[in-house]
């Protein structure tokens, strides 16, 4: 995301040791040379990237409730999913919105791309927004169980306070939506 080429803070990768290769992520340990000449190790999670959609329908935000194994509980989130190899993020956002909510969108716009945990992972999420929605039929992945609902901005803030919404992409989407309700702009 940065146009910066080099810095006095850059670390040089000396070697990479693959540790794990899964269906979604890989884990590697890099040995790096630090700016002061010393060496250190860095554990790095590689991820193909993801998309998420802030979808506003009749003044409410579309969300899905689903069980999240790492958290051991259900989480209310905006529609989202990982990128397939070589997939255009915009097309992935349109696909994920339809699969998880049944809604098809007209115009869809990129709000922001951001890294989720740059201290150890290269996962980037591309957050899109749409208000042009046409209902259809959900078609989640075979191992994906979701409950779709539409919530108001007040409900979204209440769910954040209650911990029912606690993931960064959804909280970021709520803040962007709030900004939009106040200014008519998504931060452009």
N, C-alpha and C. Protein backbone atom coordinates (compact mmCIF):
# COMPACT_ATOMS: atom_id res chain seq x y z
N UNK A 1 0.82 -1.19 0.00
CA UNK A 1 0.00 0.00 0.00
C UNK A 1 0.86 1.25 0.00
N UNK A 2 2.11 1.13 0.43
CA UNK A 2 2.98 2.29 0.49
C UNK A 2 3.79 2.43 -0.78
N UNK A 3 4.09 3.66 -1.15
CA UNK A 3 4.95 3.92 -2.30
C UNK A 3 6.42 4.03 -1.89
N UNK A 4 6.71 3.95 -0.60
CA UNK A 4 8.05 4.07 -0.08
C UNK A 4 8.86 2.85 -0.51
N UNK A 5 10.06 3.08 -1.05
CA UNK A 5 10.89 1.97 -1.53
C UNK A 5 11.83 1.45 -0.45
N UNK A 6 12.56 2.30 0.22
CA UNK A 6 13.48 1.86 1.27
C UNK A 6 13.47 2.85 2.41
N UNK A 7 13.97 2.38 3.53
CA UNK A 7 14.05 3.21 4.73
C UNK A 7 15.22 2.72 5.56
N UNK A 8 15.71 3.57 6.44
CA UNK A 8 16.77 3.15 7.35
C UNK A 8 16.24 2.15 8.38
N UNK A 9 14.93 1.96 8.44
CA UNK A 9 14.32 1.00 9.36
C UNK A 9 14.09 -0.37 8.73
N UNK A 10 14.32 -0.51 7.42
CA UNK A 10 14.05 -1.76 6.73
C UNK A 10 14.86 -2.91 7.31
N UNK A 11 14.23 -4.08 7.32
CA UNK A 11 14.89 -5.32 7.69
C UNK A 11 15.13 -6.12 6.41
N UNK A 12 16.24 -6.81 6.32
CA UNK A 12 16.58 -7.61 5.14
C UNK A 12 16.37 -9.07 5.49
N UNK A 13 15.55 -9.77 4.67
CA UNK A 13 15.30 -11.19 4.90
C UNK A 13 16.51 -11.99 4.45
N UNK A 14 17.07 -12.76 5.38
CA UNK A 14 18.23 -13.60 5.10
C UNK A 14 17.82 -15.02 4.72
N UNK A 15 16.76 -15.53 5.37
CA UNK A 15 16.26 -16.87 5.05
C UNK A 15 14.81 -16.99 5.49
N UNK A 16 14.12 -17.95 4.88
CA UNK A 16 12.72 -18.23 5.20
C UNK A 16 12.56 -19.73 5.40
N UNK A 17 11.95 -20.10 6.54
CA UNK A 17 11.69 -21.50 6.82
C UNK A 17 10.17 -21.72 6.84
N UNK A 18 9.63 -22.49 5.85
CA UNK A 18 8.20 -22.80 5.88
C UNK A 18 7.89 -23.68 7.10
N UNK A 19 6.80 -23.39 7.79
CA UNK A 19 6.41 -24.14 8.97
C UNK A 19 5.12 -24.91 8.74
N UNK A 20 4.13 -24.23 8.12
CA UNK A 20 2.80 -24.82 7.95
C UNK A 20 2.17 -24.27 6.69
N UNK A 21 1.50 -25.15 5.95
CA UNK A 21 0.73 -24.71 4.78
C UNK A 21 -0.67 -25.27 4.90
N UNK A 22 -1.63 -24.38 5.11
CA UNK A 22 -3.02 -24.79 5.27
C UNK A 22 -3.86 -24.41 4.07
N UNK A 23 -5.16 -24.59 4.23
CA UNK A 23 -6.11 -24.28 3.17
C UNK A 23 -6.21 -22.77 2.93
N UNK A 24 -6.06 -21.99 3.98
CA UNK A 24 -6.20 -20.53 3.88
C UNK A 24 -4.89 -19.81 4.13
N UNK A 25 -4.15 -20.22 5.14
CA UNK A 25 -2.94 -19.49 5.52
C UNK A 25 -1.70 -20.39 5.43
N UNK A 26 -0.55 -19.72 5.39
CA UNK A 26 0.73 -20.40 5.58
C UNK A 26 1.47 -19.66 6.68
N UNK A 27 2.36 -20.40 7.34
CA UNK A 27 3.18 -19.81 8.40
C UNK A 27 4.63 -20.07 8.06
N UNK A 28 5.44 -19.03 8.19
CA UNK A 28 6.86 -19.15 7.94
C UNK A 28 7.62 -18.40 9.02
N UNK A 29 8.89 -18.79 9.21
CA UNK A 29 9.76 -18.06 10.12
C UNK A 29 10.89 -17.49 9.28
N UNK A 30 11.00 -16.17 9.30
CA UNK A 30 12.05 -15.47 8.55
C UNK A 30 13.17 -15.07 9.51
N UNK A 31 14.40 -15.24 9.05
CA UNK A 31 15.55 -14.68 9.75
C UNK A 31 15.88 -13.39 9.03
N UNK A 32 15.97 -12.30 9.78
CA UNK A 32 16.17 -10.98 9.18
C UNK A 32 17.41 -10.30 9.77
N UNK A 33 18.00 -9.43 8.96
CA UNK A 33 19.06 -8.55 9.45
C UNK A 33 18.40 -7.23 9.84
N UNK A 34 18.62 -6.82 11.06
CA UNK A 34 18.05 -5.59 11.59
C UNK A 34 18.86 -4.39 11.13
N UNK A 35 18.31 -3.18 11.23
CA UNK A 35 19.02 -1.98 10.82
C UNK A 35 20.39 -1.79 11.52
N UNK A 36 20.53 -2.35 12.73
CA UNK A 36 21.80 -2.21 13.44
C UNK A 36 22.80 -3.33 13.12
N UNK A 37 22.43 -4.24 12.18
CA UNK A 37 23.31 -5.33 11.78
C UNK A 37 23.07 -6.64 12.50
N UNK A 38 22.36 -6.64 13.61
CA UNK A 38 22.03 -7.87 14.32
C UNK A 38 20.99 -8.66 13.54
N UNK A 39 20.76 -9.92 13.93
CA UNK A 39 19.73 -10.74 13.29
C UNK A 39 18.62 -11.03 14.30
N UNK A 40 17.45 -11.34 13.78
CA UNK A 40 16.28 -11.69 14.59
C UNK A 40 15.39 -12.60 13.75
N UNK A 41 14.43 -13.23 14.40
CA UNK A 41 13.46 -14.05 13.67
C UNK A 41 12.10 -13.37 13.70
N UNK A 42 11.35 -13.58 12.64
CA UNK A 42 10.00 -13.04 12.51
C UNK A 42 9.07 -14.17 12.08
N UNK A 43 8.01 -14.41 12.85
CA UNK A 43 6.99 -15.37 12.47
C UNK A 43 5.99 -14.63 11.59
N UNK A 44 5.74 -15.15 10.39
CA UNK A 44 4.90 -14.46 9.41
C UNK A 44 3.78 -15.37 8.94
N UNK A 45 2.55 -14.88 9.05
CA UNK A 45 1.39 -15.57 8.50
C UNK A 45 1.09 -14.95 7.14
N UNK A 46 1.05 -15.79 6.11
CA UNK A 46 0.69 -15.35 4.76
C UNK A 46 -0.79 -15.68 4.52
N UNK A 47 -1.51 -14.71 3.97
CA UNK A 47 -2.95 -14.85 3.73
C UNK A 47 -3.26 -14.27 2.35
N UNK A 48 -4.20 -14.85 1.61
CA UNK A 48 -4.47 -14.37 0.25
C UNK A 48 -5.18 -13.03 0.16
N UNK A 49 -5.61 -12.48 1.29
CA UNK A 49 -6.35 -11.23 1.29
C UNK A 49 -7.85 -11.50 1.33
N UNK A 50 -8.61 -10.47 1.61
CA UNK A 50 -10.05 -10.62 1.79
C UNK A 50 -10.77 -9.36 1.36
N UNK A 51 -12.07 -9.48 1.29
CA UNK A 51 -12.95 -8.36 0.98
C UNK A 51 -14.06 -8.31 2.03
N UNK A 52 -14.64 -7.13 2.20
CA UNK A 52 -15.77 -6.94 3.08
C UNK A 52 -16.66 -5.87 2.47
N UNK A 53 -17.96 -5.95 2.78
CA UNK A 53 -18.91 -5.02 2.16
C UNK A 53 -19.81 -4.38 3.21
N UNK A 54 -19.77 -3.05 3.24
CA UNK A 54 -20.73 -2.26 3.99
C UNK A 54 -21.91 -2.07 3.05
N UNK A 55 -22.97 -2.83 3.29
CA UNK A 55 -24.15 -2.79 2.42
C UNK A 55 -25.29 -2.13 3.19
N UNK A 56 -25.78 -1.00 2.68
CA UNK A 56 -26.86 -0.25 3.31
C UNK A 56 -28.14 -0.48 2.52
N UNK A 57 -29.15 -1.02 3.20
CA UNK A 57 -30.45 -1.31 2.57
C UNK A 57 -31.55 -0.63 3.38
N UNK A 58 -32.25 0.30 2.74
CA UNK A 58 -33.33 1.03 3.40
C UNK A 58 -32.88 1.63 4.74
N UNK A 59 -31.69 2.22 4.75
CA UNK A 59 -31.18 2.89 5.94
C UNK A 59 -30.66 1.96 7.01
N UNK A 60 -30.50 0.68 6.71
CA UNK A 60 -29.97 -0.28 7.67
C UNK A 60 -28.79 -1.02 7.05
N UNK A 61 -27.90 -1.48 7.92
CA UNK A 61 -26.70 -2.21 7.47
C UNK A 61 -26.97 -3.71 7.48
N UNK A 62 -26.61 -4.37 6.37
CA UNK A 62 -26.72 -5.83 6.31
C UNK A 62 -25.59 -6.46 7.10
N UNK A 63 -25.93 -7.38 7.98
CA UNK A 63 -24.93 -8.11 8.77
C UNK A 63 -25.29 -9.59 8.80
N UNK A 64 -24.27 -10.39 9.06
CA UNK A 64 -24.49 -11.82 9.25
C UNK A 64 -23.96 -12.21 10.62
N UNK A 65 -24.65 -13.13 11.24
CA UNK A 65 -24.23 -13.69 12.52
C UNK A 65 -23.73 -15.09 12.22
N UNK A 66 -22.52 -15.39 12.69
CA UNK A 66 -21.98 -16.73 12.47
C UNK A 66 -21.02 -17.11 13.57
N UNK A 67 -20.87 -18.41 13.76
CA UNK A 67 -19.94 -18.92 14.78
C UNK A 67 -18.52 -18.75 14.28
N UNK A 68 -17.64 -18.25 15.15
CA UNK A 68 -16.23 -18.07 14.83
C UNK A 68 -15.41 -18.95 15.76
N UNK A 69 -14.86 -20.02 15.22
CA UNK A 69 -14.13 -21.01 16.01
C UNK A 69 -12.98 -20.40 16.83
N UNK A 70 -12.15 -19.51 16.26
CA UNK A 70 -11.06 -18.97 17.09
C UNK A 70 -11.56 -18.23 18.33
N UNK A 71 -12.75 -17.65 18.25
CA UNK A 71 -13.31 -16.90 19.38
C UNK A 71 -14.19 -17.79 20.26
N UNK A 72 -14.63 -18.91 19.70
CA UNK A 72 -15.49 -19.82 20.44
C UNK A 72 -16.89 -19.31 20.65
N UNK A 73 -17.34 -18.42 19.76
CA UNK A 73 -18.69 -17.83 19.90
C UNK A 73 -19.14 -17.25 18.57
N UNK A 74 -20.40 -16.81 18.55
CA UNK A 74 -20.94 -16.15 17.37
C UNK A 74 -20.50 -14.69 17.36
N UNK A 75 -20.40 -14.15 16.17
CA UNK A 75 -19.98 -12.76 15.96
C UNK A 75 -20.87 -12.16 14.87
N UNK A 76 -21.32 -10.95 15.08
CA UNK A 76 -22.09 -10.22 14.05
C UNK A 76 -21.08 -9.44 13.23
N UNK A 77 -21.11 -9.64 11.90
CA UNK A 77 -20.13 -9.03 11.01
C UNK A 77 -20.80 -8.57 9.72
N UNK A 78 -20.13 -7.67 9.02
CA UNK A 78 -20.55 -7.35 7.67
C UNK A 78 -20.17 -8.52 6.76
N UNK A 79 -20.82 -8.68 5.61
CA UNK A 79 -20.46 -9.75 4.68
C UNK A 79 -19.00 -9.63 4.26
N UNK A 80 -18.30 -10.76 4.23
CA UNK A 80 -16.88 -10.74 3.93
C UNK A 80 -16.41 -12.13 3.51
N UNK A 81 -15.24 -12.18 2.91
CA UNK A 81 -14.66 -13.47 2.55
C UNK A 81 -13.30 -13.29 1.92
N UNK A 82 -12.61 -14.42 1.79
CA UNK A 82 -11.24 -14.35 1.27
C UNK A 82 -11.23 -14.29 -0.25
N UNK A 83 -10.14 -13.74 -0.75
CA UNK A 83 -9.92 -13.68 -2.19
C UNK A 83 -9.47 -15.03 -2.72
N UNK A 84 -9.94 -15.41 -3.87
CA UNK A 84 -9.44 -16.59 -4.57
C UNK A 84 -8.19 -16.17 -5.33
N UNK A 85 -7.30 -17.10 -5.64
CA UNK A 85 -6.07 -16.73 -6.37
C UNK A 85 -6.37 -15.95 -7.66
N UNK A 86 -5.76 -14.78 -7.80
CA UNK A 86 -5.92 -13.95 -8.99
C UNK A 86 -7.25 -13.22 -9.10
N UNK A 87 -8.11 -13.34 -8.10
CA UNK A 87 -9.44 -12.72 -8.16
C UNK A 87 -9.35 -11.22 -7.93
N UNK A 88 -10.10 -10.46 -8.72
CA UNK A 88 -10.21 -9.01 -8.55
C UNK A 88 -11.00 -8.74 -7.27
N UNK A 89 -10.49 -7.90 -6.37
CA UNK A 89 -11.20 -7.63 -5.11
C UNK A 89 -12.64 -7.13 -5.30
N UNK A 90 -12.87 -6.27 -6.28
CA UNK A 90 -14.23 -5.76 -6.50
C UNK A 90 -15.18 -6.90 -6.87
N UNK A 91 -14.73 -7.78 -7.76
CA UNK A 91 -15.56 -8.93 -8.14
C UNK A 91 -15.79 -9.85 -6.94
N UNK A 92 -14.76 -10.02 -6.11
CA UNK A 92 -14.89 -10.85 -4.91
C UNK A 92 -15.91 -10.25 -3.94
N UNK A 93 -15.90 -8.93 -3.80
CA UNK A 93 -16.86 -8.26 -2.92
C UNK A 93 -18.29 -8.48 -3.40
N UNK A 94 -18.50 -8.36 -4.70
CA UNK A 94 -19.82 -8.60 -5.28
C UNK A 94 -20.24 -10.04 -5.04
N UNK A 95 -19.32 -10.98 -5.23
CA UNK A 95 -19.59 -12.41 -5.03
C UNK A 95 -19.94 -12.70 -3.57
N UNK A 96 -19.11 -12.21 -2.65
CA UNK A 96 -19.34 -12.48 -1.23
C UNK A 96 -20.66 -11.89 -0.74
N UNK A 97 -20.98 -10.68 -1.20
CA UNK A 97 -22.25 -10.06 -0.82
C UNK A 97 -23.42 -10.95 -1.24
N UNK A 98 -23.39 -11.43 -2.47
CA UNK A 98 -24.47 -12.28 -2.97
C UNK A 98 -24.52 -13.62 -2.22
N UNK A 99 -23.35 -14.25 -2.03
CA UNK A 99 -23.33 -15.55 -1.36
C UNK A 99 -23.87 -15.47 0.07
N UNK A 100 -23.42 -14.44 0.82
CA UNK A 100 -23.74 -14.37 2.24
C UNK A 100 -25.07 -13.71 2.56
N UNK A 101 -25.57 -12.86 1.65
CA UNK A 101 -26.82 -12.13 1.95
C UNK A 101 -27.93 -12.39 0.94
N UNK A 102 -27.57 -12.86 -0.25
CA UNK A 102 -28.54 -13.01 -1.32
C UNK A 102 -28.71 -11.74 -2.13
N UNK A 103 -28.19 -10.62 -1.65
CA UNK A 103 -28.35 -9.35 -2.35
C UNK A 103 -27.32 -9.20 -3.46
N UNK A 104 -27.80 -8.66 -4.59
CA UNK A 104 -26.91 -8.27 -5.69
C UNK A 104 -26.82 -6.75 -5.63
N UNK A 105 -25.67 -6.25 -6.05
CA UNK A 105 -25.51 -4.79 -5.96
C UNK A 105 -25.31 -4.18 -7.33
N UNK A 106 -25.69 -2.92 -7.43
CA UNK A 106 -25.41 -2.13 -8.62
C UNK A 106 -24.01 -1.58 -8.46
N UNK A 107 -23.92 -0.30 -8.18
CA UNK A 107 -22.61 0.33 -7.97
C UNK A 107 -22.03 -0.11 -6.64
N UNK A 108 -20.75 -0.41 -6.65
CA UNK A 108 -20.02 -0.76 -5.42
C UNK A 108 -18.70 0.01 -5.47
N UNK A 109 -18.32 0.58 -4.33
CA UNK A 109 -17.17 1.49 -4.31
C UNK A 109 -16.19 1.08 -3.21
N UNK A 110 -14.90 1.13 -3.53
CA UNK A 110 -13.87 0.85 -2.54
C UNK A 110 -13.79 2.00 -1.55
N UNK A 111 -13.91 1.69 -0.26
CA UNK A 111 -13.74 2.70 0.79
C UNK A 111 -12.28 2.79 1.22
N UNK A 112 -11.68 1.63 1.51
CA UNK A 112 -10.32 1.60 2.02
C UNK A 112 -9.80 0.17 2.00
N UNK A 113 -8.51 0.03 1.80
CA UNK A 113 -7.83 -1.26 1.98
C UNK A 113 -6.93 -1.11 3.19
N UNK A 114 -6.88 -2.14 4.04
CA UNK A 114 -6.09 -2.04 5.27
C UNK A 114 -5.58 -3.42 5.68
N UNK A 115 -4.44 -3.41 6.36
CA UNK A 115 -3.86 -4.64 6.89
C UNK A 115 -4.47 -4.93 8.26
N UNK A 116 -4.76 -6.20 8.52
CA UNK A 116 -5.43 -6.55 9.78
C UNK A 116 -4.48 -6.62 10.96
N UNK A 117 -3.31 -7.19 10.78
CA UNK A 117 -2.34 -7.36 11.88
C UNK A 117 -0.93 -7.35 11.32
N UNK A 118 -0.42 -6.19 10.90
CA UNK A 118 0.86 -6.14 10.18
C UNK A 118 2.07 -6.57 11.00
N UNK A 119 1.92 -6.76 12.30
CA UNK A 119 3.03 -7.23 13.11
C UNK A 119 3.39 -8.68 12.85
N UNK A 120 2.43 -9.46 12.32
CA UNK A 120 2.71 -10.87 12.05
C UNK A 120 2.01 -11.44 10.82
N UNK A 121 1.13 -10.69 10.18
CA UNK A 121 0.38 -11.23 9.04
C UNK A 121 0.33 -10.22 7.90
N UNK A 122 0.25 -10.76 6.67
CA UNK A 122 0.15 -9.87 5.50
C UNK A 122 -1.28 -9.77 4.96
N UNK A 123 -2.28 -10.23 5.75
CA UNK A 123 -3.66 -10.16 5.30
C UNK A 123 -4.08 -8.71 5.08
N UNK A 124 -4.62 -8.45 3.90
CA UNK A 124 -5.17 -7.13 3.57
C UNK A 124 -6.66 -7.32 3.30
N UNK A 125 -7.46 -6.40 3.81
CA UNK A 125 -8.90 -6.42 3.56
C UNK A 125 -9.26 -5.20 2.74
N UNK A 126 -10.03 -5.42 1.69
CA UNK A 126 -10.54 -4.35 0.84
C UNK A 126 -11.99 -4.13 1.23
N UNK A 127 -12.29 -2.97 1.83
CA UNK A 127 -13.63 -2.66 2.32
C UNK A 127 -14.38 -1.85 1.28
N UNK A 128 -15.52 -2.38 0.84
CA UNK A 128 -16.36 -1.74 -0.17
C UNK A 128 -17.67 -1.27 0.47
N UNK A 129 -18.36 -0.37 -0.24
CA UNK A 129 -19.66 0.11 0.21
C UNK A 129 -20.61 0.10 -0.98
N UNK A 130 -21.87 -0.24 -0.70
CA UNK A 130 -22.92 -0.17 -1.71
C UNK A 130 -24.25 0.16 -1.04
N UNK A 131 -25.06 0.91 -1.77
CA UNK A 131 -26.42 1.21 -1.33
C UNK A 131 -27.43 0.76 -2.39
N UNK A 132 -26.91 0.28 -3.52
CA UNK A 132 -27.77 -0.16 -4.62
C UNK A 132 -27.92 -1.68 -4.53
N UNK A 133 -29.00 -2.11 -3.88
CA UNK A 133 -29.19 -3.53 -3.61
C UNK A 133 -30.49 -4.06 -4.17
N UNK A 134 -30.41 -5.27 -4.65
CA UNK A 134 -31.58 -6.00 -5.15
C UNK A 134 -31.56 -7.37 -4.50
N UNK A 135 -32.68 -7.74 -3.86
CA UNK A 135 -32.69 -8.99 -3.11
C UNK A 135 -32.67 -10.20 -4.03
N UNK A 136 -32.15 -11.27 -3.48
CA UNK A 136 -32.05 -12.54 -4.18
C UNK A 136 -31.96 -13.65 -3.17
N UNK A 137 -31.29 -14.72 -3.54
CA UNK A 137 -31.20 -15.89 -2.67
C UNK A 137 -29.77 -16.09 -2.20
N UNK A 138 -29.62 -16.35 -0.89
CA UNK A 138 -28.30 -16.62 -0.32
C UNK A 138 -27.75 -17.93 -0.89
N UNK A 139 -26.43 -17.99 -1.01
CA UNK A 139 -25.77 -19.24 -1.44
C UNK A 139 -24.42 -19.38 -0.73
N UNK A 140 -24.47 -19.53 0.60
CA UNK A 140 -23.21 -19.63 1.34
C UNK A 140 -22.44 -20.90 1.00
N UNK A 141 -21.15 -20.91 1.33
CA UNK A 141 -20.34 -22.11 1.15
C UNK A 141 -20.96 -23.24 1.96
N UNK A 142 -20.66 -24.48 1.58
CA UNK A 142 -21.30 -25.63 2.24
C UNK A 142 -20.95 -25.76 3.72
N UNK A 143 -19.84 -25.18 4.14
CA UNK A 143 -19.46 -25.24 5.56
C UNK A 143 -19.70 -23.91 6.29
N UNK A 144 -20.55 -23.08 5.70
CA UNK A 144 -20.82 -21.74 6.22
C UNK A 144 -22.29 -21.63 6.62
N UNK A 145 -22.53 -21.34 7.90
CA UNK A 145 -23.89 -21.21 8.41
C UNK A 145 -24.07 -19.80 8.94
N UNK A 146 -25.00 -19.06 8.34
CA UNK A 146 -25.16 -17.64 8.60
C UNK A 146 -26.61 -17.29 8.88
N UNK A 147 -26.80 -16.27 9.71
CA UNK A 147 -28.12 -15.66 9.88
C UNK A 147 -28.00 -14.21 9.45
N UNK A 148 -28.78 -13.82 8.47
CA UNK A 148 -28.77 -12.46 7.92
C UNK A 148 -29.74 -11.57 8.68
N UNK A 149 -29.31 -10.34 8.95
CA UNK A 149 -30.23 -9.35 9.51
C UNK A 149 -29.83 -7.96 9.04
N UNK A 150 -30.72 -7.02 9.26
CA UNK A 150 -30.48 -5.62 8.95
C UNK A 150 -30.56 -4.86 10.25
N UNK A 151 -29.54 -4.03 10.53
CA UNK A 151 -29.51 -3.31 11.80
C UNK A 151 -29.35 -1.81 11.57
N UNK A 152 -29.86 -1.06 12.53
CA UNK A 152 -29.72 0.40 12.48
C UNK A 152 -28.34 0.79 13.01
N UNK A 153 -27.99 2.04 12.83
CA UNK A 153 -26.72 2.54 13.36
C UNK A 153 -26.72 2.45 14.89
N UNK A 154 -27.83 2.78 15.52
CA UNK A 154 -27.92 2.67 16.98
C UNK A 154 -27.72 1.23 17.44
N UNK A 155 -28.34 0.29 16.73
CA UNK A 155 -28.15 -1.12 17.08
C UNK A 155 -26.70 -1.54 16.90
N UNK A 156 -26.06 -1.06 15.83
CA UNK A 156 -24.65 -1.40 15.58
C UNK A 156 -23.78 -0.92 16.75
N UNK A 157 -24.00 0.29 17.21
CA UNK A 157 -23.22 0.80 18.35
C UNK A 157 -23.53 0.01 19.63
N UNK A 158 -24.78 -0.37 19.81
CA UNK A 158 -25.12 -1.18 20.98
C UNK A 158 -24.42 -2.53 20.91
N UNK A 159 -24.39 -3.16 19.74
CA UNK A 159 -23.71 -4.45 19.58
C UNK A 159 -22.21 -4.32 19.81
N UNK A 160 -21.62 -3.18 19.41
CA UNK A 160 -20.19 -2.95 19.70
C UNK A 160 -19.99 -2.88 21.21
N UNK A 161 -20.82 -2.10 21.90
CA UNK A 161 -20.69 -1.98 23.36
C UNK A 161 -20.85 -3.34 24.05
N UNK A 162 -21.78 -4.16 23.55
CA UNK A 162 -22.05 -5.47 24.14
C UNK A 162 -21.02 -6.53 23.75
N UNK A 163 -20.14 -6.20 22.80
CA UNK A 163 -19.14 -7.17 22.35
C UNK A 163 -19.66 -8.14 21.31
N UNK A 164 -20.86 -7.94 20.81
CA UNK A 164 -21.41 -8.82 19.77
C UNK A 164 -20.82 -8.48 18.41
N UNK A 165 -20.40 -7.22 18.23
CA UNK A 165 -19.58 -6.80 17.10
C UNK A 165 -18.24 -6.43 17.69
N UNK A 166 -17.20 -7.19 17.33
CA UNK A 166 -15.89 -6.89 17.90
C UNK A 166 -14.75 -7.03 16.90
N UNK A 167 -15.07 -7.29 15.64
CA UNK A 167 -14.01 -7.40 14.64
C UNK A 167 -13.76 -6.04 14.00
N UNK A 168 -12.50 -5.81 13.62
CA UNK A 168 -12.07 -4.50 13.13
C UNK A 168 -12.80 -4.07 11.87
N UNK A 169 -13.00 -4.98 10.93
CA UNK A 169 -13.62 -4.56 9.65
C UNK A 169 -15.05 -4.07 9.86
N UNK A 170 -15.79 -4.72 10.75
CA UNK A 170 -17.17 -4.31 10.98
C UNK A 170 -17.23 -3.01 11.78
N UNK A 171 -16.36 -2.87 12.77
CA UNK A 171 -16.31 -1.62 13.53
C UNK A 171 -15.92 -0.47 12.60
N UNK A 172 -14.94 -0.71 11.72
CA UNK A 172 -14.53 0.33 10.76
C UNK A 172 -15.71 0.70 9.84
N UNK A 173 -16.47 -0.30 9.42
CA UNK A 173 -17.63 -0.04 8.56
C UNK A 173 -18.69 0.78 9.30
N UNK A 174 -18.92 0.48 10.57
CA UNK A 174 -19.89 1.24 11.36
C UNK A 174 -19.45 2.70 11.46
N UNK A 175 -18.17 2.92 11.72
CA UNK A 175 -17.67 4.31 11.80
C UNK A 175 -17.80 5.03 10.46
N UNK A 176 -17.52 4.34 9.37
CA UNK A 176 -17.66 4.94 8.04
C UNK A 176 -19.13 5.28 7.77
N UNK A 177 -20.03 4.39 8.16
CA UNK A 177 -21.47 4.62 7.98
C UNK A 177 -21.90 5.82 8.83
N UNK A 178 -21.42 5.89 10.05
CA UNK A 178 -21.76 7.02 10.92
C UNK A 178 -21.29 8.34 10.29
N UNK A 179 -20.06 8.37 9.79
CA UNK A 179 -19.54 9.55 9.11
C UNK A 179 -20.44 9.94 7.93
N UNK A 180 -20.89 8.94 7.18
CA UNK A 180 -21.76 9.17 6.04
C UNK A 180 -23.10 9.80 6.49
N UNK A 181 -23.65 9.30 7.59
CA UNK A 181 -24.94 9.87 8.06
C UNK A 181 -24.79 11.31 8.50
N UNK A 182 -23.59 11.68 8.94
CA UNK A 182 -23.36 13.04 9.42
C UNK A 182 -22.96 14.02 8.30
N UNK A 183 -22.24 13.52 7.28
CA UNK A 183 -21.67 14.41 6.26
C UNK A 183 -22.16 14.14 4.85
N UNK A 184 -22.78 12.99 4.63
CA UNK A 184 -23.19 12.61 3.27
C UNK A 184 -22.03 12.06 2.47
N UNK A 185 -20.86 11.85 3.13
CA UNK A 185 -19.67 11.33 2.45
C UNK A 185 -19.08 10.20 3.27
N UNK A 186 -18.43 9.27 2.58
CA UNK A 186 -17.74 8.17 3.24
C UNK A 186 -16.26 8.49 3.44
N UNK A 187 -15.93 9.75 3.66
CA UNK A 187 -14.55 10.13 3.92
C UNK A 187 -13.76 10.50 2.68
N UNK A 188 -14.43 10.68 1.54
CA UNK A 188 -13.71 11.06 0.33
C UNK A 188 -13.14 12.44 0.49
